[in-house]
Structure formats: structure tokens, C-alpha cells
Amino acid sequence: RAHTTAPAAAPSSAPPEDLCTRVV
């Protein structure tokens, strides 16, 4: 597996106010 790379973690595409809304 020396020549393969792990996929990068996808950044959150949700705006912060959406995340705030869900948790609140």
C-alpha cells in the first residue's frame, strides 16, 4: 500500500449556522 494514499477527510460543507441549528 506504499503507493496509495488515503482519501482526505471531506470538510464539512454545512454552514456553521446550519450545524448550530441542528445541535440547538
PDB file of all heavy atoms in Angstrom:
ATOM      1  N   ARG A   1       0.831  -1.190   0.000  1.00  0.00           N
ATOM      2  CA  ARG A   1       0.000   0.000   0.000  1.00  0.00           C
ATOM      3  C   ARG A   1       0.878   1.259   0.000  1.00  0.00           C
ATOM      4  O   ARG A   1       0.422   2.348   0.269  1.00  0.00           O
ATOM      5  CB  ARG A   1      -0.889   0.062   1.238  1.00  0.00           C
ATOM      6  CG  ARG A   1      -1.784  -1.132   1.446  1.00  0.00           C
ATOM      7  CD  ARG A   1      -3.096  -0.967   0.681  1.00  0.00           C
ATOM      8  NE  ARG A   1      -4.098  -1.911   1.099  1.00  0.00           N
ATOM      9  CZ  ARG A   1      -4.138  -3.184   0.722  1.00  0.00           C
ATOM     10  NH1 ARG A   1      -3.216  -3.674  -0.048  1.00  0.00           N
ATOM     11  NH2 ARG A   1      -5.102  -3.981   1.131  1.00  0.00           N
ATOM     12  N   ALA A   2       2.175   1.099  -0.297  1.00  0.00           N
ATOM     13  CA  ALA A   2       3.111   2.209  -0.195  1.00  0.00           C
ATOM     14  C   ALA A   2       2.806   3.312  -1.200  1.00  0.00           C
ATOM     15  O   ALA A   2       3.108   4.463  -0.962  1.00  0.00           O
ATOM     16  CB  ALA A   2       4.533   1.708  -0.393  1.00  0.00           C
ATOM     17  N   HIS A   3       2.201   2.972  -2.332  1.00  0.00           N
ATOM     18  CA  HIS A   3       1.986   3.966  -3.367  1.00  0.00           C
ATOM     19  C   HIS A   3       0.545   4.454  -3.437  1.00  0.00           C
ATOM     20  O   HIS A   3       0.182   5.135  -4.369  1.00  0.00           O
ATOM     21  CB  HIS A   3       2.414   3.406  -4.730  1.00  0.00           C
ATOM     22  CG  HIS A   3       3.866   3.024  -4.738  1.00  0.00           C
ATOM     23  ND1 HIS A   3       4.860   3.944  -4.622  1.00  0.00           N
ATOM     24  CD2 HIS A   3       4.467   1.819  -4.801  1.00  0.00           C
ATOM     25  CE1 HIS A   3       6.034   3.330  -4.638  1.00  0.00           C
ATOM     26  NE2 HIS A   3       5.815   2.039  -4.739  1.00  0.00           N
ATOM     27  N   THR A   4      -0.247   4.111  -2.465  1.00  0.00           N
ATOM     28  CA  THR A   4      -1.618   4.607  -2.440  1.00  0.00           C
ATOM     29  C   THR A   4      -1.749   5.617  -1.316  1.00  0.00           C
ATOM     30  O   THR A   4      -1.002   5.582  -0.352  1.00  0.00           O
ATOM     31  CB  THR A   4      -2.625   3.464  -2.223  1.00  0.00           C
ATOM     32  OG1 THR A   4      -2.355   2.859  -0.965  1.00  0.00           O
ATOM     33  CG2 THR A   4      -2.543   2.442  -3.334  1.00  0.00           C
ATOM     34  N   THR A   5      -2.671   6.503  -1.454  1.00  0.00           N
ATOM     35  CA  THR A   5      -2.907   7.479  -0.397  1.00  0.00           C
ATOM     36  C   THR A   5      -4.327   7.318   0.110  1.00  0.00           C
ATOM     37  O   THR A   5      -5.228   6.960  -0.631  1.00  0.00           O
ATOM     38  CB  THR A   5      -2.724   8.921  -0.920  1.00  0.00           C
ATOM     39  OG1 THR A   5      -3.621   9.134  -2.010  1.00  0.00           O
ATOM     40  CG2 THR A   5      -1.298   9.164  -1.373  1.00  0.00           C
ATOM     41  N   ALA A   6      -4.470   7.590   1.371  1.00  0.00           N
ATOM     42  CA  ALA A   6      -5.803   7.526   1.962  1.00  0.00           C
ATOM     43  C   ALA A   6      -6.570   8.760   1.507  1.00  0.00           C
ATOM     44  O   ALA A   6      -6.000   9.842   1.362  1.00  0.00           O
ATOM     45  CB  ALA A   6      -5.702   7.502   3.481  1.00  0.00           C
ATOM     46  N   PRO A   7      -7.867   8.604   1.281  1.00  0.00           N
ATOM     47  CA  PRO A   7      -8.645   9.775   0.879  1.00  0.00           C
ATOM     48  C   PRO A   7      -8.661  10.790   2.015  1.00  0.00           C
ATOM     49  O   PRO A   7      -8.721  10.430   3.186  1.00  0.00           O
ATOM     50  CB  PRO A   7     -10.036   9.219   0.608  1.00  0.00           C
ATOM     51  CG  PRO A   7     -10.085   7.919   1.325  1.00  0.00           C
ATOM     52  CD  PRO A   7      -8.675   7.414   1.391  1.00  0.00           C
ATOM     53  N   ALA A   8      -8.595  12.033   1.670  1.00  0.00           N
ATOM     54  CA  ALA A   8      -8.639  13.089   2.679  1.00  0.00           C
ATOM     55  C   ALA A   8     -10.049  13.181   3.250  1.00  0.00           C
ATOM     56  O   ALA A   8     -11.028  12.929   2.549  1.00  0.00           O
ATOM     57  CB  ALA A   8      -8.244  14.427   2.047  1.00  0.00           C
ATOM     58  N   ALA A   9     -10.123  13.509   4.501  1.00  0.00           N
ATOM     59  CA  ALA A   9     -11.436  13.683   5.117  1.00  0.00           C
ATOM     60  C   ALA A   9     -12.119  14.883   4.463  1.00  0.00           C
ATOM     61  O   ALA A   9     -11.511  15.928   4.266  1.00  0.00           O
ATOM     62  CB  ALA A   9     -11.290  13.918   6.613  1.00  0.00           C
ATOM     63  N   ALA A  10     -13.360  14.695   4.122  1.00  0.00           N
ATOM     64  CA  ALA A  10     -14.111  15.763   3.461  1.00  0.00           C
ATOM     65  C   ALA A  10     -14.435  16.848   4.472  1.00  0.00           C
ATOM     66  O   ALA A  10     -14.916  16.559   5.558  1.00  0.00           O
ATOM     67  CB  ALA A  10     -15.393  15.213   2.859  1.00  0.00           C
ATOM     68  N   PRO A  11     -14.150  18.082   4.139  1.00  0.00           N
ATOM     69  CA  PRO A  11     -14.511  19.151   5.059  1.00  0.00           C
ATOM     70  C   PRO A  11     -16.025  19.275   5.138  1.00  0.00           C
ATOM     71  O   PRO A  11     -16.736  18.914   4.205  1.00  0.00           O
ATOM     72  CB  PRO A  11     -13.881  20.395   4.428  1.00  0.00           C
ATOM     73  CG  PRO A  11     -13.740  20.068   2.979  1.00  0.00           C
ATOM     74  CD  PRO A  11     -13.550  18.571   2.913  1.00  0.00           C
ATOM     75  N   SER A  12     -16.486  19.777   6.247  1.00  0.00           N
ATOM     76  CA  SER A  12     -17.920  19.956   6.413  1.00  0.00           C
ATOM     77  C   SER A  12     -18.404  21.003   5.418  1.00  0.00           C
ATOM     78  O   SER A  12     -17.857  22.088   5.326  1.00  0.00           O
ATOM     79  CB  SER A  12     -18.229  20.409   7.832  1.00  0.00           C
ATOM     80  OG  SER A  12     -19.597  20.692   7.944  1.00  0.00           O
ATOM     81  N   SER A  13     -19.409  20.645   4.655  1.00  0.00           N
ATOM     82  CA  SER A  13     -19.940  21.584   3.682  1.00  0.00           C
ATOM     83  C   SER A  13     -21.123  22.368   4.239  1.00  0.00           C
ATOM     84  O   SER A  13     -21.641  23.253   3.586  1.00  0.00           O
ATOM     85  CB  SER A  13     -20.356  20.844   2.410  1.00  0.00           C
ATOM     86  OG  SER A  13     -21.360  19.902   2.711  1.00  0.00           O
ATOM     87  N   ALA A  14     -21.547  22.027   5.441  1.00  0.00           N
ATOM     88  CA  ALA A  14     -22.680  22.717   6.050  1.00  0.00           C
ATOM     89  C   ALA A  14     -22.207  24.039   6.656  1.00  0.00           C
ATOM     90  O   ALA A  14     -21.199  24.077   7.349  1.00  0.00           O
ATOM     91  CB  ALA A  14     -23.307  21.849   7.128  1.00  0.00           C
ATOM     92  N   PRO A  15     -22.931  25.102   6.407  1.00  0.00           N
ATOM     93  CA  PRO A  15     -22.588  26.378   7.032  1.00  0.00           C
ATOM     94  C   PRO A  15     -22.710  26.267   8.553  1.00  0.00           C
ATOM     95  O   PRO A  15     -23.515  25.478   9.063  1.00  0.00           O
ATOM     96  CB  PRO A  15     -23.630  27.352   6.477  1.00  0.00           C
ATOM     97  CG  PRO A  15     -24.239  26.669   5.303  1.00  0.00           C
ATOM     98  CD  PRO A  15     -24.071  25.203   5.511  1.00  0.00           C
ATOM     99  N   PRO A  16     -21.936  27.055   9.291  1.00  0.00           N
ATOM    100  CA  PRO A  16     -21.965  26.941  10.751  1.00  0.00           C
ATOM    101  C   PRO A  16     -23.342  27.197  11.355  1.00  0.00           C
ATOM    102  O   PRO A  16     -23.698  26.576  12.351  1.00  0.00           O
ATOM    103  CB  PRO A  16     -20.941  27.982  11.220  1.00  0.00           C
ATOM    104  CG  PRO A  16     -20.641  28.832  10.055  1.00  0.00           C
ATOM    105  CD  PRO A  16     -20.996  28.056   8.825  1.00  0.00           C
ATOM    106  N   GLU A  17     -24.141  28.061  10.733  1.00  0.00           N
ATOM    107  CA  GLU A  17     -25.473  28.302  11.301  1.00  0.00           C
ATOM    108  C   GLU A  17     -26.375  27.081  11.146  1.00  0.00           C
ATOM    109  O   GLU A  17     -27.275  26.870  11.958  1.00  0.00           O
ATOM    110  CB  GLU A  17     -26.131  29.557  10.726  1.00  0.00           C
ATOM    111  CG  GLU A  17     -26.281  29.585   9.242  1.00  0.00           C
ATOM    112  CD  GLU A  17     -25.072  30.176   8.500  1.00  0.00           C
ATOM    113  OE1 GLU A  17     -24.005  30.368   9.090  1.00  0.00           O
ATOM    114  OE2 GLU A  17     -25.225  30.424   7.298  1.00  0.00           O
ATOM    115  N   ASP A  18     -26.134  26.252  10.123  1.00  0.00           N
ATOM    116  CA  ASP A  18     -26.906  25.014   9.974  1.00  0.00           C
ATOM    117  C   ASP A  18     -26.529  24.014  11.065  1.00  0.00           C
ATOM    118  O   ASP A  18     -27.397  23.350  11.639  1.00  0.00           O
ATOM    119  CB  ASP A  18     -26.680  24.380   8.601  1.00  0.00           C
ATOM    120  CG  ASP A  18     -27.311  25.172   7.467  1.00  0.00           C
ATOM    121  OD1 ASP A  18     -28.065  26.136   7.748  1.00  0.00           O
ATOM    122  OD2 ASP A  18     -27.045  24.830   6.302  1.00  0.00           O
ATOM    123  N   LEU A  19     -25.226  23.895  11.337  1.00  0.00           N
ATOM    124  CA  LEU A  19     -24.783  22.991  12.397  1.00  0.00           C
ATOM    125  C   LEU A  19     -25.296  23.462  13.750  1.00  0.00           C
ATOM    126  O   LEU A  19     -25.758  22.649  14.559  1.00  0.00           O
ATOM    127  CB  LEU A  19     -23.260  22.894  12.394  1.00  0.00           C
ATOM    128  CG  LEU A  19     -22.631  22.346  11.124  1.00  0.00           C
ATOM    129  CD1 LEU A  19     -21.114  22.430  11.192  1.00  0.00           C
ATOM    130  CD2 LEU A  19     -23.078  20.914  10.871  1.00  0.00           C
ATOM    131  N   CYS A  20     -25.241  24.761  13.976  1.00  0.00           N
ATOM    132  CA  CYS A  20     -25.767  25.341  15.213  1.00  0.00           C
ATOM    133  C   CYS A  20     -27.255  25.014  15.355  1.00  0.00           C
ATOM    134  O   CYS A  20     -27.707  24.576  16.417  1.00  0.00           O
ATOM    135  CB  CYS A  20     -25.535  26.848  15.194  1.00  0.00           C
ATOM    136  SG  CYS A  20     -26.325  27.772  16.532  1.00  0.00           S
ATOM    137  N   THR A  21     -28.001  25.202  14.281  1.00  0.00           N
ATOM    138  CA  THR A  21     -29.444  24.945  14.306  1.00  0.00           C
ATOM    139  C   THR A  21     -29.729  23.495  14.673  1.00  0.00           C
ATOM    140  O   THR A  21     -30.597  23.217  15.506  1.00  0.00           O
ATOM    141  CB  THR A  21     -30.079  25.279  12.940  1.00  0.00           C
ATOM    142  OG1 THR A  21     -29.863  26.657  12.662  1.00  0.00           O
ATOM    143  CG2 THR A  21     -31.564  24.969  12.926  1.00  0.00           C
ATOM    144  N   ARG A  22     -28.996  22.581  14.076  1.00  0.00           N
ATOM    145  CA  ARG A  22     -29.233  21.155  14.355  1.00  0.00           C
ATOM    146  C   ARG A  22     -28.961  20.807  15.807  1.00  0.00           C
ATOM    147  O   ARG A  22     -29.753  20.121  16.450  1.00  0.00           O
ATOM    148  CB  ARG A  22     -28.371  20.291  13.433  1.00  0.00           C
ATOM    149  CG  ARG A  22     -28.903  20.267  12.024  1.00  0.00           C
ATOM    150  CD  ARG A  22     -28.232  19.330  11.063  1.00  0.00           C
ATOM    151  NE  ARG A  22     -27.221  18.445  11.563  1.00  0.00           N
ATOM    152  CZ  ARG A  22     -26.110  18.135  10.911  1.00  0.00           C
ATOM    153  NH1 ARG A  22     -25.869  18.638   9.726  1.00  0.00           N
ATOM    154  NH2 ARG A  22     -25.234  17.288  11.426  1.00  0.00           N
ATOM    155  N   VAL A  23     -27.844  21.281  16.333  1.00  0.00           N
ATOM    156  CA  VAL A  23     -27.497  20.914  17.698  1.00  0.00           C
ATOM    157  C   VAL A  23     -28.406  21.612  18.713  1.00  0.00           C
ATOM    158  O   VAL A  23     -28.838  21.004  19.701  1.00  0.00           O
ATOM    159  CB  VAL A  23     -25.987  21.162  17.987  1.00  0.00           C
ATOM    160  CG1 VAL A  23     -25.647  22.623  18.094  1.00  0.00           C
ATOM    161  CG2 VAL A  23     -25.546  20.430  19.223  1.00  0.00           C
ATOM    162  N   VAL A  24     -28.749  22.873  18.470  1.00  0.00           N
ATOM    163  CA  VAL A  24     -29.638  23.586  19.388  1.00  0.00           C
ATOM    164  C   VAL A  24     -31.037  22.970  19.358  1.00  0.00           C
ATOM    165  O   VAL A  24     -31.652  22.770  20.413  1.00  0.00           O
ATOM    166  CB  VAL A  24     -29.677  25.102  19.060  1.00  0.00           C
ATOM    167  CG1 VAL A  24     -30.807  25.802  19.802  1.00  0.00           C
ATOM    168  CG2 VAL A  24     -28.335  25.747  19.401  1.00  0.00           C
TER     169      VAL A  24
END
